């Protein structure tokens, strides 16, 4: 379940947290193509998420 780490009420639903990341430019391009978003909307969506370094620290794999 994405985003479960850091939310105690959801952590019991997950046995592992996996993270797949890529270069920032690739992340922007993939999200823009997948969801047909503008670059500005894509950047705002990414900015609303946890920073990548925090995601890395919280991932099991």
C-alpha atoms as a PDB file:
ATOM      1  CA  UNK A   1       0.000   0.000   0.000  1.00  0.00           C
ATOM      2  CA  UNK A   2       1.637   3.215  -1.151  1.00  0.00           C
ATOM      3  CA  UNK A   3       2.146   5.788   1.539  1.00  0.00           C
ATOM      4  CA  UNK A   4       1.456   3.442   4.444  1.00  0.00           C
ATOM      5  CA  UNK A   5       4.806   4.055   6.130  1.00  0.00           C
ATOM      6  CA  UNK A   6       4.544   6.891   8.579  1.00  0.00           C
ATOM      7  CA  UNK A   7       0.822   6.253   9.112  1.00  0.00           C
ATOM      8  CA  UNK A   8       0.524   3.869  12.075  1.00  0.00           C
ATOM      9  CA  UNK A   9      -3.085   2.977  11.286  1.00  0.00           C
ATOM     10  CA  UNK A  10      -1.999   1.614   7.878  1.00  0.00           C
ATOM     11  CA  UNK A  11       1.365   0.012   8.681  1.00  0.00           C
ATOM     12  CA  UNK A  12      -0.225  -3.230   9.870  1.00  0.00           C
ATOM     13  CA  UNK A  13      -1.578  -3.741   6.330  1.00  0.00           C
ATOM     14  CA  UNK A  14       1.929  -3.931   4.845  1.00  0.00           C
ATOM     15  CA  UNK A  15       4.607  -6.522   5.382  1.00  0.00           C
ATOM     16  CA  UNK A  16       7.106  -4.746   3.115  1.00  0.00           C
ATOM     17  CA  UNK A  17       7.533  -1.409   1.395  1.00  0.00           C
ATOM     18  CA  UNK A  18       9.188  -1.451  -2.033  1.00  0.00           C
ATOM     19  CA  UNK A  19      10.482   1.644  -3.787  1.00  0.00           C
ATOM     20  CA  UNK A  20      11.330   1.988  -7.447  1.00  0.00           C
ATOM     21  CA  UNK A  21      12.857   5.305  -8.367  1.00  0.00           C
ATOM     22  CA  UNK A  22      14.401   6.928 -11.405  1.00  0.00           C
ATOM     23  CA  UNK A  23      15.983  10.193 -12.476  1.00  0.00           C
ATOM     24  CA  UNK A  24      13.843  13.274 -11.836  1.00  0.00           C
ATOM     25  CA  UNK A  25      13.588  14.070 -15.552  1.00  0.00           C
ATOM     26  CA  UNK A  26      12.366  10.543 -16.276  1.00  0.00           C
ATOM     27  CA  UNK A  27       9.840  10.766 -13.435  1.00  0.00           C
ATOM     28  CA  UNK A  28       8.433  14.005 -14.890  1.00  0.00           C
ATOM     29  CA  UNK A  29       8.238  12.600 -18.414  1.00  0.00           C
ATOM     30  CA  UNK A  30       6.617   9.341 -17.377  1.00  0.00           C
ATOM     31  CA  UNK A  31       3.977  11.040 -15.230  1.00  0.00           C
ATOM     32  CA  UNK A  32       3.184  13.619 -17.917  1.00  0.00           C
ATOM     33  CA  UNK A  33       2.716  10.875 -20.507  1.00  0.00           C
ATOM     34  CA  UNK A  34       0.809   8.478 -18.250  1.00  0.00           C
ATOM     35  CA  UNK A  35      -1.673  11.005 -16.845  1.00  0.00           C
ATOM     36  CA  UNK A  36      -1.662  13.532 -19.711  1.00  0.00           C
ATOM     37  CA  UNK A  37      -0.602  16.336 -17.339  1.00  0.00           C
ATOM     38  CA  UNK A  38       1.151  19.597 -18.062  1.00  0.00           C
ATOM     39  CA  UNK A  39       4.681  20.055 -16.765  1.00  0.00           C
ATOM     40  CA  UNK A  40       3.398  22.451 -14.091  1.00  0.00           C
ATOM     41  CA  UNK A  41       0.718  20.033 -12.866  1.00  0.00           C
ATOM     42  CA  UNK A  42       3.241  17.205 -12.861  1.00  0.00           C
ATOM     43  CA  UNK A  43       5.761  19.231 -10.854  1.00  0.00           C
ATOM     44  CA  UNK A  44       3.098  20.185  -8.304  1.00  0.00           C
ATOM     45  CA  UNK A  45       2.005  16.561  -7.924  1.00  0.00           C
ATOM     46  CA  UNK A  46       5.585  15.423  -7.315  1.00  0.00           C
ATOM     47  CA  UNK A  47       6.207  18.317  -4.891  1.00  0.00           C
ATOM     48  CA  UNK A  48       3.163  17.224  -2.840  1.00  0.00           C
ATOM     49  CA  UNK A  49       4.738  13.813  -2.201  1.00  0.00           C
ATOM     50  CA  UNK A  50       7.354  12.882   0.376  1.00  0.00           C
ATOM     51  CA  UNK A  51      10.870  13.795  -0.789  1.00  0.00           C
ATOM     52  CA  UNK A  52      12.601  10.913  -2.553  1.00  0.00           C
ATOM     53  CA  UNK A  53      15.258  10.659   0.174  1.00  0.00           C
ATOM     54  CA  UNK A  54      12.565  10.106   2.792  1.00  0.00           C
ATOM     55  CA  UNK A  55      10.920   7.450   0.628  1.00  0.00           C
ATOM     56  CA  UNK A  56      14.289   5.707   0.309  1.00  0.00           C
ATOM     57  CA  UNK A  57      14.817   5.696   4.095  1.00  0.00           C
ATOM     58  CA  UNK A  58      11.370   4.188   4.676  1.00  0.00           C
ATOM     59  CA  UNK A  59      11.549   1.485   2.025  1.00  0.00           C
ATOM     60  CA  UNK A  60      12.478  -2.091   2.852  1.00  0.00           C
ATOM     61  CA  UNK A  61      13.622  -2.775  -0.693  1.00  0.00           C
END
